[in-house]
Protein backbone atom coordinates (compact mmCIF):
# COMPACT_ATOMS: atom_id res chain seq x y z
CA MET A 1 -6.98 13.28 19.27
CA SER A 2 -3.61 12.72 16.73
CA LYS A 3 -3.91 13.84 12.78
CA LEU A 4 -0.84 12.94 12.22
CA THR A 5 -0.73 10.56 8.79
CA TYR A 6 1.28 7.93 7.99
CA ILE A 7 1.72 7.37 3.84
CA GLU A 8 3.99 5.06 2.20
CA PHE A 9 4.36 4.88 -1.64
CA THR A 10 4.80 1.93 -3.93
CA ASP A 11 8.19 1.06 -4.88
CA GLU A 12 7.06 1.74 -8.75
CA SER A 13 6.05 5.40 -8.13
CA LYS A 14 7.97 8.21 -9.14
CA ARG A 15 9.33 10.82 -6.82
CA GLU A 16 7.12 13.63 -9.42
CA GLU A 17 4.16 11.63 -8.35
CA ARG A 18 5.17 11.30 -4.79
CA LEU A 19 5.16 15.73 -4.81
CA ALA A 20 1.93 15.52 -6.65
CA ILE A 21 0.48 13.38 -3.48
CA LEU A 22 2.38 15.91 -1.16
CA LYS A 23 1.05 19.10 -2.74
CA GLN A 24 -2.38 18.38 -1.93
CA LEU A 25 -1.90 18.02 1.43
CA VAL A 26 1.08 19.86 2.65
CA ASP A 27 1.09 24.14 3.57
CA GLU A 28 3.46 26.26 0.51
CA LYS A 29 6.27 25.95 2.38
CA GLN A 30 6.50 22.65 3.69
CA TYR A 31 5.68 21.47 -0.27
CA ASP A 32 9.28 23.85 -1.34
CA MET A 33 10.79 21.40 1.31
CA MET A 34 10.39 18.80 0.15
CA SER A 35 10.34 19.49 -3.23
CA ASP A 36 13.88 20.65 -3.13
CA THR A 37 15.77 18.26 -3.84
CA SER A 38 18.54 18.92 -1.55
CA PHE A 39 16.62 18.07 1.00
CA ILE A 40 16.05 14.93 -0.03
CA SER A 41 16.26 12.91 -3.40
CA THR A 42 14.15 9.86 -2.87
CA PHE A 43 10.90 8.96 -0.03
CA LYS A 44 9.87 5.80 0.05
CA TRP A 45 6.98 7.43 3.20
CA GLU A 46 6.04 10.62 4.45
CA PHE A 47 4.17 11.37 8.06
CA LEU A 48 2.39 14.30 7.35
CA ASP A 49 -0.21 16.37 10.11
CA VAL A 50 -3.40 15.68 8.11
CA ASP A 51 -6.41 13.87 8.95
CA VAL A 52 -5.75 10.30 7.58
CA ASN A 53 -9.22 10.12 6.47
CA LYS A 54 -8.77 12.90 4.25
CA VAL A 55 -5.85 11.06 2.82
CA LYS A 56 -8.19 8.40 2.50
CA SER A 57 -10.34 9.65 0.43
CA LEU A 58 -8.04 11.58 -1.98
CA PHE A 59 -5.77 8.64 -2.27
CA ALA A 60 -6.93 5.24 -1.59
CA ASP A 61 -7.47 3.83 -5.11
CA ASN A 62 -3.39 6.40 -5.96
CA PRO A 63 -1.76 3.59 -7.29
CA SER A 64 1.02 5.14 -6.23
CA VAL A 65 -0.18 4.41 -2.63
CA ALA A 66 0.71 1.60 -0.90
CA TYR A 67 -0.50 2.22 2.36
CA ILE A 68 -2.30 4.87 4.53
CA ASN A 69 -2.77 4.64 8.38
CA HIS A 70 -2.76 6.78 11.96
CA ALA A 71 0.86 7.48 13.36
CA PHE A 72 1.25 7.64 17.13
CA SER A 73 3.75 9.41 18.18
CA PHE A 74 5.92 9.41 21.38
CA TYR A 75 8.06 12.74 21.85
CA LYS A 76 8.77 11.62 25.11
CA GLY A 77 11.09 8.96 23.60
CA ASN A 78 11.12 10.94 20.11
CA CYS A 79 9.58 8.13 18.63
CA ILE A 80 6.73 7.79 16.13
CA VAL A 81 4.80 4.02 15.62
CA VAL A 82 2.35 3.39 12.92
CA PRO A 83 0.68 0.05 12.04
CA THR A 84 2.02 -1.07 9.31
CA ASN A 85 -0.36 -3.49 7.13
CA ALA A 86 0.17 -6.02 7.75
CA VAL A 87 -1.53 -8.36 10.87
CA GLU A 88 -0.08 -11.51 12.55
CA VAL A 89 -2.20 -14.71 13.34
CA LYS A 90 -2.33 -18.01 14.09
CA PRO A 91 -5.28 -20.09 14.10
CA LYS A 92 -6.59 -22.07 16.13
CA GLN A 93 -6.32 -26.27 15.78
CA GLY A 94 -8.80 -27.08 12.45
CA TYR A 95 -9.35 -23.15 10.79
CA ASP A 96 -8.58 -22.56 8.37
CA VAL A 97 -6.73 -18.85 7.19
CA ASN A 98 -8.32 -18.19 4.16
CA LYS A 99 -11.94 -19.83 5.56
CA VAL A 100 -12.34 -17.49 8.00
CA LEU A 101 -10.77 -14.65 6.01
CA ASP A 102 -13.09 -15.32 3.59
CA SER A 103 -16.32 -15.35 6.53
CA PHE A 104 -15.21 -12.41 7.67
CA PHE A 105 -15.37 -10.48 4.14
CA ILE A 106 -11.35 -9.54 5.19
CA GLN A 107 -10.17 -8.59 1.54
CA THR A 108 -6.00 -9.08 1.36
CA VAL A 109 -3.12 -8.76 -0.96
CA ASN A 110 -1.26 -11.88 0.55
CA ILE A 111 -0.88 -14.70 2.82
CA GLU A 112 2.04 -15.69 3.73
CA LYS A 113 2.99 -19.34 6.33
CA TYR A 114 5.77 -18.22 8.39
CA GLU A 115 8.63 -21.47 7.50
CA ASN A 116 9.05 -23.19 11.40
CA GLY A 117 6.80 -21.13 12.63
CA ASN A 118 3.87 -23.07 14.26
CA GLY A 119 1.52 -22.46 12.16
CA ILE A 120 2.06 -18.70 12.12
CA TYR A 121 1.04 -16.49 9.60
CA CYS A 122 1.26 -13.02 8.01
CA ILE A 123 -1.75 -11.45 6.19
CA TYR A 124 -0.98 -8.36 4.24
CA LEU A 125 -3.89 -5.92 4.20
CA LEU A 126 -5.85 -4.22 1.53
CA LYS A 127 -4.21 0.11 2.06
CA GLU A 128 -7.50 0.80 3.16
CA GLU A 129 -7.97 -1.61 5.75
CA ASN A 130 -6.81 -0.36 9.55
CA SER A 131 -4.74 -3.30 10.53
CA LEU A 132 -5.38 -2.39 14.37
CA THR A 133 -9.62 -3.09 13.79
CA VAL A 134 -8.88 -6.14 11.05
CA ALA A 135 -6.28 -7.81 13.94
CA ASN A 136 -9.21 -6.70 16.71
CA LYS A 137 -12.17 -7.86 14.52
CA LEU A 138 -10.30 -11.45 13.82
CA TYR A 139 -8.73 -12.00 17.95
CA GLU A 140 -12.93 -11.47 18.98
CA THR A 141 -13.99 -14.06 16.58
CA GLY A 142 -12.45 -16.95 18.72
CA LEU A 143 -10.64 -18.50 16.28
CA PHE A 144 -8.09 -17.81 17.04
CA LYS A 145 -4.78 -18.40 19.57
CA TYR A 146 -3.90 -14.74 18.07
CA SER A 147 -4.19 -11.82 16.08
CA GLN A 148 -1.63 -9.06 16.57
CA PRO A 149 -0.52 -6.07 13.70
CA GLY A 150 2.54 -4.47 12.57
CA PHE A 151 4.43 -2.38 13.36
CA HIS A 152 7.21 0.72 12.25
CA TRP A 153 9.02 2.11 15.12
CA VAL A 154 10.55 5.64 13.32
CA LYS A 155 12.94 6.41 16.29
CA GLY A 156 14.68 9.93 16.21
CA GLY A 157 12.46 11.01 13.59
CA ASN A 158 11.66 14.81 13.33
CA GLY A 159 8.71 14.51 12.17
CA PRO A 160 5.38 17.11 12.00
CA GLN A 161 4.13 17.32 15.77
CA PRO A 162 1.15 16.08 15.50
CA SER A 163 -2.19 18.62 16.35
CA THR A 164 -4.17 17.84 19.93
CA LYS A 165 -6.89 19.65 18.38
CA ASP A 166 -10.22 17.75 17.39
């Protein structure tokens, strides 16, 4: 089972705040590399070989952290795939997205209706939520024509290789 975790920082967070968080999650050698200004000046996200539940337990309430989730790696294609905090949905006719989300206790940051999207909405979840789980839960209600999590695809990444130990 992969332990590769994706952590995204808020735009407002300062580099020092981001480094303070990373220092608690990586070993000294990795931290020295990350904190070296010649290596990287600013970063918005990072892949870490750390259990996602550990990261969530430490930083779910931290205002510098925008989102935390599992990352899935496909090394054959040299690609890492990360579920975002967004879920695209199309409710069946007669159902109100907000009422459905409220009835299933799904908390959101924002809900946008796509213009000319034929009733398609993008739901942005709180950072503690897992978009894969929420997308499945919504689809299984039978109230949506489809429900699909969003993904970041990072090609050519040379981030950490995920652990395969349980």
